N, C-alpha and C. Protein backbone atom coordinates (compact mmCIF):
# COMPACT_ATOMS: atom_id res chain seq x y z
N UNK A 1 -40.47 -5.66 44.39
CA UNK A 1 -39.64 -6.80 45.03
C UNK A 1 -38.52 -6.99 44.74
N UNK A 2 -37.65 -7.35 45.98
CA UNK A 2 -36.62 -7.38 45.55
C UNK A 2 -35.75 -9.04 45.09
N UNK A 3 -35.16 -9.01 43.90
CA UNK A 3 -34.55 -11.18 43.60
C UNK A 3 -33.74 -11.31 44.79
N UNK A 4 -33.67 -12.44 45.46
CA UNK A 4 -32.95 -12.77 45.92
C UNK A 4 -31.47 -13.26 45.58
N UNK A 5 -30.59 -12.77 46.04
CA UNK A 5 -28.94 -12.92 45.76
C UNK A 5 -28.86 -14.38 45.80
N UNK A 6 -28.28 -14.95 44.88
CA UNK A 6 -27.26 -16.34 45.10
C UNK A 6 -26.06 -16.10 45.83
N UNK A 7 -25.90 -17.32 46.58
CA UNK A 7 -25.02 -17.33 47.33
C UNK A 7 -23.48 -18.12 46.40
N UNK A 8 -22.73 -17.58 46.40
CA UNK A 8 -21.68 -17.69 45.24
C UNK A 8 -21.06 -19.18 46.21
N UNK A 9 -21.07 -20.61 45.88
CA UNK A 9 -20.62 -21.53 46.88
C UNK A 9 -19.11 -21.88 46.44
N UNK A 10 -18.67 -20.76 46.47
CA UNK A 10 -16.60 -20.95 46.39
C UNK A 10 -16.60 -20.17 47.56
N UNK A 11 -17.66 -19.22 47.82
CA UNK A 11 -17.22 -18.31 49.06
C UNK A 11 -17.62 -18.68 50.16
N UNK A 12 -18.08 -19.93 50.54
CA UNK A 12 -18.71 -20.55 51.71
C UNK A 12 -17.75 -21.40 52.41
N UNK A 13 -17.01 -20.96 53.19
CA UNK A 13 -16.02 -21.69 53.98
C UNK A 13 -16.53 -22.48 55.06
N UNK A 14 -16.60 -23.85 54.70
CA UNK A 14 -16.96 -25.15 55.48
C UNK A 14 -16.19 -25.22 57.01
N UNK A 15 -15.02 -24.74 56.71
CA UNK A 15 -14.21 -25.02 58.12
C UNK A 15 -14.15 -23.55 58.67
N UNK A 16 -14.97 -22.74 58.55
CA UNK A 16 -15.16 -21.17 59.31
C UNK A 16 -16.29 -20.44 59.02
N UNK A 17 -17.21 -21.49 59.23
CA UNK A 17 -18.60 -20.79 58.81
C UNK A 17 -18.97 -19.60 59.15
N UNK A 18 -19.67 -18.59 59.35
CA UNK A 18 -20.42 -17.39 59.88
C UNK A 18 -20.77 -18.09 61.25
N UNK A 19 -20.12 -16.63 62.31
CA UNK A 19 -20.61 -17.13 63.51
C UNK A 19 -22.15 -16.57 64.10
N UNK A 20 -22.59 -17.48 64.89
CA UNK A 20 -23.73 -17.50 65.62
C UNK A 20 -23.99 -16.52 67.00
N UNK A 21 -24.97 -16.19 67.58
CA UNK A 21 -24.52 -15.99 68.60
C UNK A 21 -24.35 -16.67 69.87
N UNK A 22 -24.34 -17.88 69.86
CA UNK A 22 -23.80 -18.76 70.44
C UNK A 22 -22.42 -19.24 70.56
N UNK A 23 -21.53 -18.77 68.98
CA UNK A 23 -20.55 -18.38 68.85
C UNK A 23 -19.49 -17.47 69.72
N UNK A 24 -20.68 -16.22 69.24
CA UNK A 24 -19.61 -15.35 70.27
C UNK A 24 -19.53 -15.43 71.60
N UNK A 25 -21.04 -15.93 72.20
CA UNK A 25 -21.16 -16.42 73.65
C UNK A 25 -20.19 -17.35 73.92
N UNK A 26 -19.82 -18.21 73.42
CA UNK A 26 -18.09 -18.74 73.62
C UNK A 26 -17.11 -18.63 73.61
N UNK A 27 -17.34 -17.13 72.70
CA UNK A 27 -15.64 -16.69 72.16
C UNK A 27 -14.54 -16.73 73.36
N UNK A 28 -13.61 -16.56 73.93
CA UNK A 28 -12.98 -16.11 75.09
C UNK A 28 -12.01 -15.36 74.48
N UNK A 29 -11.04 -14.26 75.22
CA UNK A 29 -10.54 -13.14 74.82
C UNK A 29 -9.04 -14.09 74.77
N UNK A 30 -8.17 -13.04 74.03
CA UNK A 30 -7.14 -13.94 73.36
C UNK A 30 -6.16 -14.16 74.28
N UNK A 31 -6.08 -13.12 75.60
CA UNK A 31 -5.38 -13.37 76.75
C UNK A 31 -5.56 -14.70 77.48
N UNK A 32 -6.65 -15.41 77.22
CA UNK A 32 -7.02 -16.54 77.65
C UNK A 32 -5.96 -17.46 76.79
N UNK A 33 -6.36 -17.08 75.48
CA UNK A 33 -6.30 -18.17 74.61
C UNK A 33 -4.55 -18.06 73.74
N UNK A 34 -4.08 -17.18 73.94
CA UNK A 34 -2.51 -17.56 73.08
C UNK A 34 -1.66 -17.55 74.26
N UNK A 35 -0.31 -18.28 74.13
CA UNK A 35 0.54 -18.23 75.20
C UNK A 35 0.74 -17.32 75.83
N UNK A 36 0.87 -17.79 77.23
CA UNK A 36 1.85 -16.80 78.12
C UNK A 36 2.73 -15.74 77.77
N UNK A 37 2.68 -14.48 77.62
CA UNK A 37 3.74 -13.35 77.57
C UNK A 37 3.45 -13.22 76.00
N UNK A 38 2.85 -13.95 75.12
CA UNK A 38 2.70 -13.63 73.96
C UNK A 38 2.31 -12.37 73.68
N UNK A 39 1.35 -11.66 74.62
CA UNK A 39 0.33 -10.68 74.07
C UNK A 39 1.54 -8.89 74.94
N UNK A 40 2.16 -9.44 76.38
CA UNK A 40 3.26 -8.91 76.70
C UNK A 40 4.45 -8.52 75.48
N UNK A 41 4.40 -9.64 75.12
CA UNK A 41 5.88 -9.33 73.85
C UNK A 41 5.43 -8.36 73.07
N UNK A 42 4.17 -8.86 72.55
CA UNK A 42 3.66 -8.14 71.29
C UNK A 42 3.54 -6.35 71.38
N UNK A 43 3.12 -6.33 72.32
CA UNK A 43 3.27 -4.66 73.18
C UNK A 43 4.60 -4.21 73.21
N UNK A 44 5.52 -4.96 73.33
CA UNK A 44 6.58 -4.22 73.13
C UNK A 44 7.34 -3.98 72.07
N UNK A 45 6.09 -5.30 71.01
CA UNK A 45 7.37 -5.10 69.87
C UNK A 45 8.34 -6.04 69.61
N UNK A 46 7.95 -7.10 71.07
CA UNK A 46 9.50 -8.27 70.43
C UNK A 46 8.33 -9.53 70.38
N UNK A 47 7.36 -9.03 69.03
CA UNK A 47 6.51 -10.53 68.26
C UNK A 47 7.44 -10.95 67.21
N UNK A 48 7.00 -11.71 66.72
CA UNK A 48 8.01 -12.57 65.69
C UNK A 48 7.85 -12.15 64.63
N UNK A 49 7.10 -11.17 64.11
CA UNK A 49 7.64 -10.15 63.03
C UNK A 49 8.34 -8.64 63.04
N UNK A 50 9.29 -8.93 62.54
CA UNK A 50 10.04 -7.97 62.52
C UNK A 50 9.46 -6.40 61.71
N UNK A 51 9.39 -5.66 62.83
CA UNK A 51 8.75 -4.95 62.39
C UNK A 51 9.60 -3.59 61.14
N UNK A 52 9.05 -3.29 60.92
CA UNK A 52 10.00 -2.01 59.63
C UNK A 52 8.92 -1.02 59.18
N UNK A 53 10.12 -0.03 58.35
CA UNK A 53 9.52 1.08 58.56
C UNK A 53 8.63 1.49 57.37
N UNK A 54 7.86 2.56 57.29
CA UNK A 54 7.16 2.82 55.88
C UNK A 54 7.70 2.52 54.37
N UNK A 55 9.19 3.57 54.59
CA UNK A 55 9.97 3.45 53.80
C UNK A 55 10.70 2.28 53.46
N UNK A 56 10.99 1.54 54.72
CA UNK A 56 11.47 0.34 54.00
C UNK A 56 10.26 -0.88 53.44
N UNK A 57 8.73 -1.06 54.09
CA UNK A 57 7.72 -1.65 53.31
C UNK A 57 7.72 -1.24 52.14
N UNK A 58 7.68 -0.10 51.89
CA UNK A 58 7.31 0.85 50.04
C UNK A 58 8.08 0.12 49.48
N UNK A 59 9.93 0.12 49.81
CA UNK A 59 10.91 -0.13 48.93
C UNK A 59 10.64 -1.69 48.48
N UNK A 60 10.70 -2.63 49.69
CA UNK A 60 10.20 -4.20 49.34
C UNK A 60 9.20 -4.70 48.93
N UNK A 61 7.97 -3.44 48.88
CA UNK A 61 6.84 -3.69 48.32
C UNK A 61 6.55 -3.87 46.26
N UNK A 62 6.24 -5.16 45.82
CA UNK A 62 6.50 -5.29 44.65
C UNK A 62 5.07 -5.65 43.97
N UNK A 63 4.56 -5.06 43.50
CA UNK A 63 3.07 -6.15 42.85
C UNK A 63 3.84 -6.51 41.43
N UNK A 64 3.46 -7.67 41.09
CA UNK A 64 3.18 -8.55 39.92
C UNK A 64 4.93 -9.21 40.14
N UNK A 65 5.17 -9.44 38.47
CA UNK A 65 6.16 -10.51 38.98
C UNK A 65 7.31 -9.31 39.16
N UNK A 66 8.64 -10.00 39.62
CA UNK A 66 9.90 -9.00 39.36
C UNK A 66 10.45 -8.71 37.65
N UNK A 67 11.03 -7.92 37.67
CA UNK A 67 11.24 -7.03 35.97
C UNK A 67 12.44 -7.56 36.27
N UNK A 68 12.47 -8.09 34.79
CA UNK A 68 13.51 -9.25 34.13
C UNK A 68 14.51 -8.12 33.12
N UNK A 69 15.35 -8.51 33.27
CA UNK A 69 16.18 -7.73 32.26
C UNK A 69 15.71 -7.46 30.70
N UNK A 70 15.28 -8.37 30.23
CA UNK A 70 14.79 -8.04 28.74
C UNK A 70 13.54 -8.91 28.65
N UNK A 71 12.96 -7.39 29.38
CA UNK A 71 11.19 -7.95 29.00
C UNK A 71 10.43 -8.28 27.45
N UNK A 72 10.06 -9.16 27.38
CA UNK A 72 9.08 -9.71 25.95
C UNK A 72 8.37 -8.47 25.82
N UNK A 73 7.82 -7.91 24.82
CA UNK A 73 6.98 -6.77 23.92
C UNK A 73 5.86 -7.53 23.29
N UNK A 74 4.65 -7.63 24.02
CA UNK A 74 3.10 -8.00 23.66
C UNK A 74 3.33 -7.30 21.94
N UNK A 75 2.85 -8.24 20.77
CA UNK A 75 2.88 -7.61 19.81
C UNK A 75 1.74 -7.96 19.14
N UNK A 76 0.87 -7.55 18.00
CA UNK A 76 -0.20 -8.38 17.76
C UNK A 76 0.50 -8.36 16.40
N UNK A 77 0.25 -9.70 15.05
CA UNK A 77 0.82 -9.49 13.93
C UNK A 77 0.04 -10.91 12.90
N UNK A 78 -0.09 -10.53 11.75
CA UNK A 78 -0.65 -11.76 11.00
C UNK A 78 0.48 -12.50 10.37
N UNK A 79 0.06 -13.56 10.64
CA UNK A 79 1.59 -15.03 9.90
C UNK A 79 0.64 -15.58 9.13
N UNK A 80 1.26 -16.08 7.97
CA UNK A 80 0.56 -17.14 7.15
C UNK A 80 0.21 -18.29 7.69
N UNK A 81 -0.77 -18.84 7.53
CA UNK A 81 -1.75 -20.08 8.45
C UNK A 81 -0.42 -21.19 8.18
N UNK A 82 0.09 -21.31 6.67
CA UNK A 82 0.86 -22.18 7.24
C UNK A 82 2.34 -22.76 8.44
N UNK A 83 2.78 -21.37 8.28
CA UNK A 83 4.03 -20.88 9.43
C UNK A 83 3.42 -20.88 10.73
N UNK A 84 2.03 -20.78 10.98
CA UNK A 84 1.43 -20.94 12.34
C UNK A 84 1.30 -22.34 12.54
N UNK A 85 0.76 -23.26 11.43
CA UNK A 85 0.44 -24.91 11.36
C UNK A 85 1.72 -25.60 12.14
N UNK A 86 2.94 -24.74 11.27
CA UNK A 86 4.02 -25.50 11.06
C UNK A 86 4.52 -25.32 12.58
N UNK A 87 4.22 -24.31 13.58
CA UNK A 87 5.04 -23.86 14.85
C UNK A 87 4.14 -24.77 15.63
N UNK A 88 3.05 -24.52 15.53
CA UNK A 88 1.77 -25.45 16.43
C UNK A 88 1.45 -26.57 16.81
N UNK A 89 2.17 -26.91 15.42
CA UNK A 89 2.45 -28.66 15.24
C UNK A 89 3.15 -29.38 16.78
N UNK A 90 4.30 -28.61 17.17
CA UNK A 90 4.93 -28.76 17.92
C UNK A 90 4.42 -28.88 19.35
N UNK A 91 3.04 -28.32 19.57
CA UNK A 91 2.46 -28.67 21.18
C UNK A 91 2.82 -27.24 21.42
N UNK A 92 2.52 -27.30 22.78
CA UNK A 92 2.67 -26.06 23.78
C UNK A 92 3.89 -25.63 23.63
N UNK A 93 4.24 -24.51 24.09
CA UNK A 93 5.32 -23.69 23.97
C UNK A 93 5.56 -23.10 22.37
N UNK A 94 4.75 -23.18 21.43
CA UNK A 94 4.91 -23.05 20.18
C UNK A 94 5.11 -20.99 19.70
N UNK A 95 4.73 -20.64 20.34
CA UNK A 95 4.93 -18.76 20.75
C UNK A 95 6.19 -18.59 21.13
N UNK A 96 6.97 -19.93 21.88
CA UNK A 96 8.39 -19.62 22.53
C UNK A 96 9.58 -20.15 21.28
N UNK A 97 9.29 -21.21 20.92
CA UNK A 97 10.10 -21.61 20.05
C UNK A 97 9.38 -20.48 18.46
N UNK A 98 8.46 -19.77 18.37
CA UNK A 98 8.82 -19.34 17.19
C UNK A 98 9.39 -17.74 17.15
N UNK A 99 9.43 -17.52 19.07
CA UNK A 99 10.31 -16.28 19.05
C UNK A 99 12.20 -16.46 19.14
N UNK A 100 12.35 -17.59 19.55
CA UNK A 100 13.51 -18.74 19.66
C UNK A 100 13.86 -18.47 18.25
N UNK A 101 13.14 -18.97 17.37
CA UNK A 101 13.31 -18.71 15.65
C UNK A 101 13.68 -17.95 15.41
N UNK A 102 12.93 -16.32 15.29
CA UNK A 102 13.31 -15.31 14.86
C UNK A 102 14.53 -14.53 15.76
N UNK A 103 14.64 -15.11 16.82
CA UNK A 103 15.89 -14.34 17.54
C UNK A 103 17.11 -15.20 17.05
N UNK A 104 17.20 -16.45 16.65
CA UNK A 104 18.10 -16.92 16.08
C UNK A 104 18.19 -16.06 14.68
N UNK A 105 17.32 -15.76 14.01
CA UNK A 105 17.58 -15.44 12.72
C UNK A 105 18.08 -13.83 12.84
N UNK A 106 17.85 -13.29 13.53
CA UNK A 106 17.98 -11.97 13.78
C UNK A 106 19.45 -11.83 14.41
N UNK A 107 20.03 -12.86 15.42
CA UNK A 107 21.36 -12.78 15.87
C UNK A 107 22.77 -12.79 14.51
N UNK A 108 21.62 -14.03 13.45
CA UNK A 108 22.43 -14.56 12.20
C UNK A 108 22.98 -12.97 11.13
N UNK A 109 21.99 -12.45 11.41
CA UNK A 109 21.40 -11.24 10.64
C UNK A 109 22.82 -10.42 11.05
N UNK A 110 22.51 -10.10 12.53
CA UNK A 110 23.59 -9.19 12.72
C UNK A 110 25.04 -9.48 12.38
N UNK A 111 25.36 -10.89 12.90
CA UNK A 111 26.51 -11.10 12.80
C UNK A 111 27.07 -10.66 10.85
N UNK A 112 25.90 -11.14 9.94
CA UNK A 112 26.66 -10.73 8.55
C UNK A 112 26.59 -9.35 8.22
N UNK A 113 25.91 -8.19 9.16
CA UNK A 113 25.53 -7.21 8.86
C UNK A 113 27.02 -6.70 9.35
N UNK A 114 27.68 -6.84 10.67
CA UNK A 114 28.86 -6.10 10.87
C UNK A 114 30.58 -7.01 10.36
N UNK A 115 29.65 -8.02 9.26
CA UNK A 115 31.23 -8.20 8.88
C UNK A 115 31.40 -7.61 7.28
N UNK A 116 30.19 -7.27 7.17
CA UNK A 116 30.39 -5.87 5.88
C UNK A 116 31.65 -5.13 6.04
């Protein structure tokens, strides 16, 4: 006996329910529904979307966030509990503040070593 699958409620689209036979029977061709000349323009390539070559498409296609000049590096480190508590006490963004504090320290230390 196969188990009945539960339907994920998030996948139910009340505004566009699954079509029944009656829906297909009422459906009309695009040529009757779209504005006059739309399909002719589409066939001629004069539609609203600018055609691009495969090369242009691949060049413009980006996955994820855009590349940044100085990306952050994920690290795992162990810190003293009081250090973490201090930065977390400032609320959200504590990791960003900790990074800024460390960056300022690196900048000061770099200036000192350059002066020697």
